[in-house]
Amino acid sequence: MTIFDALTMIGGLCLFLFGMNVMGQALEVSAGRNLRNILAKLTNNISIGFFTGLIITMVIQSSSATTVMVVGFVNSGLLTLKQSIGVIIGANVGTTVTAWILSLQQINGEIFWLKLLKPSAFTPVLAVIGIFLFMFCKGEKKKNIGLIFLGFATLMTGMDTMSSAVEHIGEQQWFIDLLVLFENPLLGILVGTLLTALIQSSSASVGILQIFANSTPISIATCIPIILGMNIGTCITAMLSSIGATKNGKRAAYVHLSFNIIGTFVLIAIFWPLKSFGNIEFFSQNANMWTVAACHTVLKIACTLLLLPSAGLLEKISYWLIPLDETPEQAVVLDERLFATPSIAIERSREVTVDMANCAIKTLTDSLDLFDNYTPELAQAIRDGEEKTDKYEDALGSYLVKLSNYKISASDSAEAAMLLKLIGDFERISDHGVNILEAVEELREKKLSFSEEARKEISVMINATREVLEYASKAFVDGDIEALAEISPLEQVIDVLKETLRSNHIARLQKGNCSIEVGFVWSDLITDLERTSDHCSNIAGCLIDLSNLDMNIHEHLRAIKSDDNTYKKKVSFYTEKYAV
């Protein structure tokens, strides 16, 4: 093997890994929203978890990506440790699909339809289709499909390049001597572990083994320990991901590691005596791409049959390695590990934004209660609510900005932009709650009060503000389309109400029924109430913009908006309801 062969081998490996990465990322983006739905249905049933992990990994073609995703979910509290075990085991089996796809390279025969199954026949076609979709189509789905095809074509080109580089390596004496060393199962496990830990992909390392098996005289007995070692090496990605995670997140990574280590050493304990004393001809046969894929699959299924019924044991081992604390640990609300699956990170951001919305709206509505029921405890609760809302805004803002640096779909990007706008509006709503609190406290400290007429007027505007807040909450938190349609006409009425109350107050000042000092507080209060309704209108606007992605909702809202008579009736209804 010359230096040029070595460079060709390295170049082919780079193409192979790059193609696998591009294809995997495009598959994740394409499948992102479906992953949400699959995970939402996950239960404590270990079998359902197993098939969930199996399906996800078959789709995204990476058990490492699935297990890192699971560590992030457990760390964020989206999954329990028990739920994660089945998913992790399923991911280990799902990763074997890649090896079978790569094995198509070894198809031989003169039959036309059989030749079409060989990657060398259809890879150029996929590359042409892929580059056309990626460069000339505007739809994001089409571009993603193009990337999937291009990634696969690059992957197969890398395989062909590596195959040509090692075509004659089996004739080299040093390589033959190396194969003799690898007949020691423990050394084979070590090599498989180190190789996979280095490239952080068991699919890629098994693919490399398939290339060597196709070009060199490697026995099946030599391949089996290497494959088992690769199963251990693939755990490095999840272990690295668990650094800085909660204890439950770390336990999920240890479940993955325990599954593969226990499975490897149980199977090697069966394999070694059979190889040494069983005189089984199968083990001495030369491996090829098909037999490597078959061994990979059979070993994974054997581990699953062995350990899936003992999932409770894996959970106990993880608790033994990471003991329980006396004080319960809080899950990480926004975990950057979820960036590996942006659609899930967006969904988590929305859930946290819902929590923020509830906190902000409660802060504002509590402040409206101060006029009739002021207590120091309620005042402190309002300040605490505003402070908590600020923390939500900081955390969500940073998280969404970081997420925007990742490759995400157009719909997820639109939702991230919407959430960034929404958190600003919710934060301002909580600020207005504190402003109202300070206005009420100023009245109490200075022993000032509104006239009876003024109290009635402010009460009307408070009730209107309560209602628009309720509609905003229903629209965002509950997804109520009908509530969304009520916000704009009610906000318009509140704008008019503010000007009416301002004019009425000026009239009272002129008559001497109100003092200038009370007038300043009055002006601040009605401004805070009116701006609260403005933020509710902004929230409605964001939700309507996002509804363009859902044509059913969009058509419904457009019908309401285009029906000028309906809109006027709503304005008229609220004008009458909140007349002063």
Foldseek 3Di string as FASTA:
>chain_A
DDPVLVVLLVVLLVLQLQLLVLLLLLLLQLCQVVLVVLLVPQDLPLQSLLVNLLVVCLRSLFLLLQLLLLLQCCLQVVDPLSSLLSNNLNVLLNNLVLLVLLQLCPQDDDDPVSVCSHCVNCLVVLQVCLVCQCPPPDAPNSVSSSSNSNSVSSSVSSLVSNLVSCQCVQVDPVVVVVLVVLLPLVVLLVQLQVVCLVSLGLSSSLSSVQSCLARHQHFQSSLLSSSLSVQLNNLNSQCVSCVVGDLRSNLSSQLSNVLSVVLSVVVVVVSVCCVPPVPDVNRGGRDHSVSSSVSSNVSSVSSCVVCSVVSVVSSVVSCVVVPDDPDDDRRDQQGLSNLSNLSVNLVSLLVLLLVLLVLLLVLQLLLLCCVPDNDPVSLVSLVVSLVVLVVNLVVSVVRLVVSVVGDHHPLSVLSSVLSNLLSVLSSLSSVLSNLSSVLSVVCVVVVHDADPVLVVLVVLLSVLLNLLSVLLSCCRVVVDLVSLLLLVLSLVLLVVSLVVSLVVVVVCVVVVNDDVVNVVSSNSNSVSSSVNSVSSNVSSVSSQVSCVVVVVSVVVSVVCVVPVVNSVVSNVVSCVVSPD
